[in-house]
Each structure stands twice: as structure tokens, then as C-alpha cells.
Amino acid sequence: MGIDFHSHYMQIIRANLNKYPEKKLIIFPFGEQGMIFKNILNSAYDLHENYIIDNVLCNYNKNIFPLYSLENMDDKSLLFFLVATDKELNNKLYNQIKIKFPNAEIINVLEPLIIPVNDKEGWFKEFKELLGIKRLISNKQYVRIGRMNDGGYVMLDDIETNMKAYSFGICDDVSWDREMAERYGIDIYMYDHTITGLPEYHKKFHYFKEGISGKDDSMNHLFSIETILKNNAHTEETNLILKMDVEGAEYDFIESASPSIISNFKQMIFEFHNITKLENKERIKKSLQKLNETHQAVWIHGNNCNYAERDNGIIVPNTIEVLYLNKNYYSFEETNVYFPWDIDQPNKYKLNDFILGNW
């Protein structure tokens, strides 16, 4: 998934408004993206940069300065907007700033948006404890299934041809479904009531214009997991796989599904939404507690299409992808597990991943 830098710049500026009266604002460098950023800063927010820095363009424009021209300034007063969108150049310029101005603040546009907040530390600690990660005791390997960036997920490479996968939330991407069908030869039962049909078809695809819900609502094409499994004669299947990205309806599924139904899934991939919103706290707590009865979380990934929040050094993305494994099939041990992994990819390909560290 690409990135709308204009929208991203708006979010960056809006999230950091409280810093601007205290800092000297510096745009660096000043190519196409620097001009876009300046226009938003000036026009949308009526803020004006103190300096435009570009080590090349300074030779052609007297209003643009080289980086070394700031050397005699108090670097604690400097706030750099690093707007290079080429990752190699971005890293080079970032290192230049840190060497010359170690105490300056840098807002790097290639970093995902992290918003400082107050009064959420308690919830963030509780959430991280409920979503505690353990290491799988096995020689099985993890693999990434699906397209590059947004739409791909990490799974355990322990899938047999007699298994069946349920995929909730399709939109315009069937890359996970297609790879599951072709790599493992399994049937994929696909549900999305918001689209008119699949973007492509495969002999292993079984598409239904229906959505997942906590209870049946046939007028709106929404059904519970019990009804869906019953309609497919899968209520006795105990070797199922689940992939669910349904913009918040995952909590309806978890709340309504019986523990015996949830236990039928050997692997479950969720995208959890609106985690940092305190009004969702109790619902999320109950959902995670319920999942923890039958499954163990082994992989997490922050979705950088959305923002994260930080309170007292604790960073929690508002949207997180999680892989759960069934405790009836696998054993686990307590250990430190660092995220992201080497096989992870940022959902927005031009932005860096959230660094979740030891979760």
C-alpha cells in the first residue's frame, strides 16, 4: 500500500502543534516534498518555518541555507522536519543532523505517526500484559503469506491439505487467500458483504457476500460464526484457519463465539482496531481474555497505516496484527520476543515499521 504524503504531513503537523511556539522550525531538505510540506505548514496551519536547509539548493537561492549555518545555535531550540522520502537519503541526512545537533528534535516523515498522550499508561500496560507473547517450542518455521506490505501476514508453516481457511474482510486483495490455496492446496471460505465480488477467482475460492457479526442479521447480510460454520457443514471441523480484518467487527466475533467454536481454529490471524481508544478498553480486555483461554499470541505487528500513541515511553499502535496458535496443538515458553521480525514488512511501504521491541 502506498502513501498519501499530503495527508501524512497534515497528521504530523497536527500531532505536534504544542511544540511549535518553543522551537525554531527547520525544513530539510527542500525538494518537491519540502515544498509540499512548507505549503501545508504555512497555508493550513498558519505556521512559518525559521529556516529552509538544503546543502545543494543553498548555492542557488539566498533564502536557503546549508546545514552548517546553524552550528552556532542552541541545538535544543531546533526542530527539524526531515522531509526526504528516499530511505537511503533520509538515513544519510538524519545522521548528519544527529552528529551536528545531538540535542535537536527531529520529526522524520518516514517514521509512522506516534502521538504523545497522557492518562493512558495504565491501559497500555494492561493491554500489553493481556497480549503477552510467548515463544513457540517447535522446529516449525514462520512464513509470510500474502502480498508485499499491506495484505500480507505472518503464519506458522504448519498447514495441511485437509485444513480449511476462513477469510473475513476481502476488499480488493485476495493475495493471502490465493497463496494459501496454491501453497497448501486448501479451500478458502471468503466473506465480505461490502464488495460486489472477488477481484479474481480460483478453484479453491468459495466467496459469500456476507459479513461476520455477533448475531444473525440477514437483512444486512451479517451472520454469526456459528451460522456460517453450520451453513458450510464445518461445525465439527477442528482443524480450521482464520484470517480476520473487519474494521472492528472482530470484537463481535470474539464476544459471541463459544469457546468450543474458537477452539476449532488451529491458527488465527486478527487485525485488532481502535486499541488506544479508552471507550473500547473493557471490550478489548474481555476479548483478549477470552482468546487467551484457548490460544496463545506468538506474533504481533503494528499497522503503520494508522497511528500509535505513546505514554511514558510505552508505544501502542491503534491497529495491531496478531497471530494466535491453539494451545491444544502447541507448547510455548516465556521469553523476550523482539518485534518487528526480519520477515515483517511495513503496511505502508514508504514508511518505517513501528518498533515494538520486547513485547
Protein backbone atom coordinates (compact mmCIF):
# COMPACT_ATOMS: atom_id res chain seq x y z
CA MET A 1 0.00 0.00 0.00
CA GLY A 2 1.39 3.40 -0.96
CA ILE A 3 1.18 6.60 0.99
CA ASP A 4 -0.53 9.95 0.57
CA PHE A 5 2.25 12.19 1.86
CA HIS A 6 -0.02 15.26 1.91
CA SER A 7 -2.33 13.56 4.40
CA HIS A 8 0.63 12.21 6.36
CA TYR A 9 2.15 15.69 6.65
CA MET A 10 -1.16 17.06 7.91
CA GLN A 11 -1.23 14.40 10.63
CA ILE A 12 2.39 15.05 11.61
CA ILE A 13 1.88 18.80 12.00
CA ARG A 14 -1.44 18.44 13.81
CA ALA A 15 0.00 15.89 16.27
CA ASN A 16 2.91 18.17 17.21
CA LEU A 17 1.25 21.60 17.33
CA ASN A 18 2.04 22.12 21.01
CA LYS A 19 5.80 22.08 20.30
CA TYR A 20 5.95 24.83 17.72
CA PRO A 21 5.93 28.05 19.81
CA GLU A 22 9.02 26.85 21.68
CA LYS A 23 11.13 25.73 18.72
CA LYS A 24 12.80 27.11 15.64
CA LEU A 25 11.20 25.26 12.73
CA ILE A 26 13.52 23.91 10.05
CA ILE A 27 12.53 22.21 6.78
CA PHE A 28 15.30 19.94 5.47
CA PRO A 29 15.89 19.29 2.55
CA PHE A 30 13.87 21.39 0.09
CA GLY A 31 12.94 19.29 -2.90
CA GLU A 32 9.40 18.59 -4.06
CA GLN A 33 8.34 17.15 -0.70
CA GLY A 34 9.87 20.08 1.16
CA MET A 35 7.77 22.49 -0.90
CA ILE A 36 4.62 20.46 -0.22
CA PHE A 37 5.40 20.40 3.50
CA LYS A 38 6.08 24.15 3.57
CA ASN A 39 2.80 24.89 1.83
CA ILE A 40 0.82 22.83 4.35
CA LEU A 41 2.68 24.36 7.30
CA ASN A 42 2.08 27.90 6.02
CA SER A 43 -1.36 27.65 4.46
CA ALA A 44 -3.21 25.03 6.51
CA TYR A 45 -1.79 25.90 9.93
CA ASP A 46 -0.54 29.49 9.54
CA LEU A 47 2.87 28.41 10.85
CA HIS A 48 6.11 29.64 9.30
CA GLU A 49 9.46 27.94 9.23
CA ASN A 50 12.50 29.77 10.56
CA TYR A 51 14.94 28.16 8.15
CA ILE A 52 14.93 26.16 4.94
CA ILE A 53 18.02 23.95 4.77
CA ASP A 54 19.35 22.28 1.64
CA ASN A 55 23.04 21.64 1.11
CA VAL A 56 22.71 21.87 -2.68
CA LEU A 57 19.99 24.45 -3.32
CA CYS A 58 21.71 26.89 -0.96
CA ASN A 59 24.13 27.56 -3.82
CA TYR A 60 21.31 28.92 -5.98
CA ASN A 61 18.90 30.60 -3.57
CA LYS A 62 19.94 33.08 -0.86
CA ASN A 63 16.85 32.18 1.23
CA ILE A 64 18.02 28.58 1.55
CA PHE A 65 20.92 27.74 3.88
CA PRO A 66 23.41 24.87 4.29
CA LEU A 67 23.18 22.72 7.38
CA TYR A 68 26.43 24.04 8.85
CA SER A 69 24.97 27.58 9.02
CA LEU A 70 23.07 26.55 12.16
CA GLU A 71 26.14 25.37 14.06
CA ASN A 72 26.33 28.30 16.49
CA MET A 73 22.71 27.93 17.57
CA ASP A 74 21.44 26.23 20.72
CA ASP A 75 20.53 22.85 19.27
CA LYS A 76 17.91 22.25 21.97
CA SER A 77 15.86 25.00 20.34
CA LEU A 78 15.88 23.34 16.89
CA LEU A 79 13.05 21.26 15.46
CA PHE A 80 13.90 19.64 12.13
CA PHE A 81 11.25 18.43 9.73
CA LEU A 82 13.23 15.82 7.82
CA VAL A 83 11.23 15.52 4.60
CA ALA A 84 13.45 13.31 2.42
CA THR A 85 11.25 10.43 1.25
CA ASP A 86 14.05 8.34 -0.25
CA LYS A 87 15.06 5.99 2.58
CA GLU A 88 18.77 5.98 1.76
CA LEU A 89 18.95 9.78 1.55
CA ASN A 90 16.73 10.09 4.61
CA ASN A 91 19.11 7.95 6.70
CA LYS A 92 22.13 9.92 5.48
CA LEU A 93 20.59 13.29 6.34
CA TYR A 94 19.27 12.03 9.67
CA ASN A 95 22.80 11.00 10.67
CA GLN A 96 24.13 14.40 9.61
CA ILE A 97 21.65 16.14 11.89
CA LYS A 98 22.37 13.88 14.86
CA ILE A 99 26.13 14.40 14.54
CA LYS A 100 25.97 18.20 14.27
CA PHE A 101 22.98 18.79 16.55
CA PRO A 102 22.68 15.89 19.01
CA ASN A 103 20.08 17.68 21.17
CA ALA A 104 17.85 18.84 18.32
CA GLU A 105 14.44 17.28 17.84
CA ILE A 106 13.82 15.55 14.52
CA ILE A 107 10.41 14.78 13.08
CA ASN A 108 11.21 12.26 10.38
CA VAL A 109 8.41 11.95 7.81
CA LEU A 110 9.37 8.31 7.11
CA GLU A 111 8.58 7.35 10.68
CA PRO A 112 4.99 6.26 11.36
CA LEU A 113 2.92 8.71 13.33
CA ILE A 114 3.31 8.39 17.12
CA ILE A 115 1.15 10.76 19.17
CA PRO A 116 2.15 11.61 22.76
CA VAL A 117 -0.77 11.24 25.17
CA ASN A 118 -1.47 11.38 28.90
CA ASP A 119 -3.53 9.19 31.27
CA LYS A 120 -3.28 6.02 29.14
CA GLU A 121 -0.19 4.40 30.67
CA GLY A 122 -2.29 2.10 32.86
CA TRP A 123 -4.34 0.85 29.93
CA PHE A 124 -1.27 0.41 27.73
CA LYS A 125 0.45 -1.71 30.39
CA GLU A 126 -2.68 -3.80 30.87
CA PHE A 127 -3.12 -4.27 27.14
CA LYS A 128 0.48 -5.41 26.69
CA GLU A 129 0.06 -7.90 29.52
CA LEU A 130 -3.16 -9.29 28.02
CA LEU A 131 -1.43 -9.58 24.65
CA GLY A 132 1.66 -11.20 26.12
CA ILE A 133 3.78 -13.01 23.54
CA LYS A 134 5.37 -16.41 24.14
CA ARG A 135 7.84 -18.36 22.02
CA LEU A 136 6.63 -21.50 20.27
CA ILE A 137 8.52 -24.65 21.30
CA SER A 138 8.87 -26.28 17.90
CA ASN A 139 11.14 -26.59 14.88
CA LYS A 140 8.32 -25.28 12.69
CA GLN A 141 9.12 -22.06 10.84
CA TYR A 142 7.13 -18.87 10.40
CA VAL A 143 6.36 -17.70 6.87
CA ARG A 144 4.83 -14.57 5.42
CA ILE A 145 1.67 -15.20 3.39
CA GLY A 146 0.17 -12.64 1.00
CA ARG A 147 1.37 -9.68 -0.99
CA MET A 148 4.13 -7.28 -0.12
CA ASN A 149 3.27 -4.72 2.56
CA ASP A 150 -0.43 -4.30 3.44
CA GLY A 151 -2.33 -7.56 2.96
CA GLY A 152 0.42 -9.98 3.99
CA TYR A 153 0.56 -11.78 7.35
CA VAL A 154 2.97 -13.98 9.27
CA MET A 155 1.79 -17.54 9.90
CA LEU A 156 3.23 -20.78 11.17
CA ASP A 157 4.23 -23.11 8.34
CA ASP A 158 2.16 -25.97 9.71
CA ILE A 159 -0.76 -26.24 7.31
CA GLU A 160 -2.02 -29.47 5.74
CA THR A 161 -4.19 -30.05 2.67
CA ASN A 162 -7.12 -31.32 4.74
CA MET A 163 -7.45 -27.98 6.54
CA LYS A 164 -9.85 -25.20 5.59
CA ALA A 165 -9.37 -21.45 5.90
CA TYR A 166 -11.93 -18.77 6.70
CA SER A 167 -11.08 -15.30 5.40
CA PHE A 168 -13.17 -12.38 6.66
CA GLY A 169 -12.60 -8.98 5.07
CA ILE A 170 -11.52 -9.14 1.42
CA CYS A 171 -11.93 -5.69 -0.15
CA ASP A 172 -9.77 -5.72 -3.30
CA ASP A 173 -7.00 -8.03 -2.10
CA VAL A 174 -7.01 -11.84 -2.29
CA SER A 175 -3.23 -12.32 -2.14
CA TRP A 176 -3.34 -14.12 1.23
CA ASP A 177 -6.20 -16.33 0.04
CA ARG A 178 -4.51 -17.14 -3.27
CA GLU A 179 -1.19 -18.06 -1.68
CA MET A 180 -2.89 -20.21 0.94
CA ALA A 181 -4.79 -22.03 -1.82
CA GLU A 182 -1.77 -22.50 -4.08
CA ARG A 183 0.93 -23.20 -1.49
CA TYR A 184 -1.09 -25.59 0.65
CA GLY A 185 -3.95 -26.67 -1.64
CA ILE A 186 -6.66 -25.83 0.87
CA ASP A 187 -10.15 -24.41 0.31
CA ILE A 188 -10.70 -20.77 1.29
CA TYR A 189 -14.13 -19.63 2.51
CA MET A 190 -14.22 -15.89 1.88
CA TYR A 191 -16.65 -13.38 3.40
CA ASP A 192 -17.16 -9.69 2.67
CA HIS A 193 -20.59 -8.05 2.40
CA THR A 194 -19.14 -4.70 1.30
CA ILE A 195 -17.97 -5.80 -2.18
CA THR A 196 -19.87 -6.95 -5.26
CA GLY A 197 -17.48 -9.81 -6.00
CA LEU A 198 -13.91 -11.00 -5.81
CA PRO A 199 -11.20 -9.19 -7.78
CA GLU A 200 -10.09 -12.58 -9.10
CA TYR A 201 -11.18 -16.19 -8.82
CA HIS A 202 -9.53 -19.50 -8.04
CA LYS A 203 -10.88 -23.02 -7.99
CA LYS A 204 -10.26 -23.15 -4.23
CA PHE A 205 -12.15 -19.92 -3.52
CA HIS A 206 -15.67 -20.01 -2.06
CA TYR A 207 -17.00 -16.46 -1.85
CA PHE A 208 -20.04 -15.28 0.11
CA LYS A 209 -21.42 -11.74 0.06
CA GLU A 210 -21.85 -11.87 3.81
CA GLY A 211 -20.14 -10.35 6.83
CA ILE A 212 -19.30 -11.54 10.31
CA SER A 213 -21.35 -10.36 13.29
CA GLY A 214 -22.23 -11.31 16.83
CA LYS A 215 -25.73 -12.33 15.78
CA ASP A 216 -27.59 -13.11 12.59
CA ASP A 217 -28.94 -10.13 10.66
CA SER A 218 -29.97 -11.50 7.29
CA MET A 219 -31.41 -8.16 6.14
CA ASN A 220 -27.88 -6.70 6.24
CA HIS A 221 -26.14 -9.93 5.19
CA LEU A 222 -24.44 -10.35 8.57
CA PHE A 223 -24.14 -13.70 10.34
CA SER A 224 -22.58 -15.25 13.42
CA ILE A 225 -19.68 -17.68 13.11
CA GLU A 226 -21.93 -20.50 14.35
CA THR A 227 -24.37 -19.91 11.48
CA ILE A 228 -21.57 -19.61 8.94
CA LEU A 229 -19.89 -22.84 10.03
CA LYS A 230 -23.26 -24.62 10.12
CA ASN A 231 -24.11 -23.48 6.59
CA ASN A 232 -20.83 -24.96 5.37
CA ALA A 233 -21.19 -28.17 7.43
CA HIS A 234 -17.98 -27.30 9.31
CA THR A 235 -19.24 -27.22 12.89
CA GLU A 236 -17.36 -30.45 13.68
CA GLU A 237 -14.15 -29.41 11.92
CA THR A 238 -11.31 -28.98 14.42
CA ASN A 239 -8.51 -28.04 12.04
CA LEU A 240 -9.55 -24.62 10.73
CA ILE A 241 -7.61 -21.43 10.00
CA LEU A 242 -8.95 -17.91 10.46
CA LYS A 243 -7.90 -14.59 8.92
CA MET A 244 -9.95 -11.59 10.02
CA ASP A 245 -9.62 -7.92 9.07
CA VAL A 246 -13.11 -6.48 9.54
CA GLU A 247 -12.59 -2.95 10.89
CA GLY A 248 -13.70 -3.60 14.47
CA ALA A 249 -16.24 -6.40 13.96
CA GLU A 250 -13.57 -8.81 15.24
CA TYR A 251 -14.79 -8.00 18.74
CA ASP A 252 -18.33 -9.03 17.79
CA PHE A 253 -16.94 -12.36 16.60
CA ILE A 254 -14.90 -12.99 19.76
CA GLU A 255 -17.67 -11.95 22.15
CA SER A 256 -20.32 -14.12 20.55
CA ALA A 257 -18.36 -17.23 19.56
CA SER A 258 -18.38 -20.05 22.08
CA PRO A 259 -15.01 -21.29 23.40
CA SER A 260 -15.66 -24.62 21.64
CA ILE A 261 -16.08 -22.83 18.29
CA ILE A 262 -12.93 -20.75 18.83
CA SER A 263 -11.06 -23.96 19.71
CA ASN A 264 -11.82 -25.30 16.23
CA PHE A 265 -9.27 -22.85 14.79
CA LYS A 266 -5.66 -24.03 14.85
CA GLN A 267 -4.27 -20.67 13.72
CA MET A 268 -5.99 -17.29 13.88
CA ILE A 269 -4.80 -14.01 12.35
CA PHE A 270 -6.58 -10.90 13.62
CA GLU A 271 -6.23 -7.24 12.86
CA PHE A 272 -7.35 -5.52 16.06
CA HIS A 273 -8.66 -1.97 15.64
CA ASN A 274 -9.12 1.12 17.86
CA ILE A 275 -6.91 -0.23 20.63
CA THR A 276 -5.86 3.13 22.03
CA LYS A 277 -9.41 4.46 22.40
CA LEU A 278 -10.30 4.24 26.09
CA GLU A 279 -14.01 3.76 25.37
CA ASN A 280 -13.09 0.35 23.88
CA LYS A 281 -10.95 -0.73 26.83
CA GLU A 282 -13.37 -3.07 28.61
CA ARG A 283 -14.49 -4.71 25.38
CA ILE A 284 -10.92 -5.32 24.24
CA LYS A 285 -9.95 -6.68 27.66
CA LYS A 286 -12.76 -9.23 27.64
CA SER A 287 -11.96 -10.25 24.07
CA LEU A 288 -8.28 -10.84 24.77
CA GLN A 289 -9.04 -12.70 28.00
CA LYS A 290 -11.36 -14.99 26.09
CA LEU A 291 -8.82 -15.71 23.36
CA ASN A 292 -6.14 -16.40 25.95
CA GLU A 293 -8.20 -19.30 27.31
CA THR A 294 -7.69 -21.36 24.16
CA HIS A 295 -4.91 -19.71 22.17
CA GLN A 296 -1.50 -18.11 22.62
CA ALA A 297 -0.33 -14.98 20.82
CA VAL A 298 3.04 -15.59 19.14
CA TRP A 299 3.43 -12.71 16.66
CA ILE A 300 2.36 -9.08 16.59
CA HIS A 301 2.87 -6.30 14.09
CA GLY A 302 1.88 -2.65 14.32
CA ASN A 303 0.00 -1.45 11.25
CA ASN A 304 1.65 1.82 10.20
CA CYS A 305 -1.32 2.73 8.01
CA ASN A 306 -2.66 4.01 11.31
CA TYR A 307 -1.06 5.93 14.18
CA ALA A 308 0.34 4.83 17.52
CA GLU A 309 0.15 6.56 20.88
CA ARG A 310 2.92 6.92 23.47
CA ASP A 311 2.54 7.46 27.19
CA ASN A 312 5.60 7.46 29.46
CA GLY A 313 7.65 5.63 26.84
CA ILE A 314 5.07 2.90 26.17
CA ILE A 315 4.07 2.79 22.49
CA VAL A 316 0.85 1.06 21.42
CA PRO A 317 -0.33 1.17 17.79
CA ASN A 318 -4.02 1.83 17.31
CA THR A 319 -4.17 -1.13 14.89
CA ILE A 320 -2.22 -4.34 15.53
CA GLU A 321 -1.98 -7.62 13.61
CA VAL A 322 -1.74 -10.73 15.81
CA LEU A 323 -1.17 -14.43 15.18
CA TYR A 324 -2.68 -16.84 17.70
CA LEU A 325 -1.89 -20.56 17.91
CA ASN A 326 -4.16 -23.16 19.52
CA LYS A 327 -2.89 -24.40 22.88
CA ASN A 328 -4.25 -27.89 22.15
CA TYR A 329 -1.67 -28.31 19.37
CA TYR A 330 1.37 -26.37 20.54
CA SER A 331 3.57 -25.67 23.57
CA PHE A 332 5.10 -22.34 24.49
CA GLU A 333 7.66 -20.79 26.80
CA GLU A 334 8.20 -17.41 28.41
CA THR A 335 10.95 -15.39 26.76
CA ASN A 336 11.69 -11.97 25.35
CA VAL A 337 10.47 -11.66 21.76
CA TYR A 338 11.51 -8.61 19.73
CA PHE A 339 9.29 -7.08 17.05
CA PRO A 340 9.31 -6.44 14.13
CA TRP A 341 10.84 -9.61 12.74
CA ASP A 342 13.04 -9.86 9.65
CA ILE A 343 10.15 -11.28 7.62
CA ASP A 344 7.83 -8.42 8.60
CA GLN A 345 7.05 -5.61 6.18
CA PRO A 346 5.54 -2.19 6.85
CA ASN A 347 1.92 -1.93 5.71
CA LYS A 348 2.68 1.44 4.11
CA TYR A 349 5.73 0.59 2.07
CA LYS A 350 7.44 4.00 2.18
CA LEU A 351 7.14 4.42 5.94
CA ASN A 352 9.23 2.60 8.52
CA ASP A 353 7.65 -0.01 10.74
CA PHE A 354 6.65 0.61 14.32
CA ILE A 355 9.42 -0.64 16.60
CA LEU A 356 7.57 -2.59 19.29
CA GLY A 357 10.71 -4.09 20.84
CA ASN A 358 10.39 -6.75 23.52
CA TRP A 359 6.65 -7.08 23.88
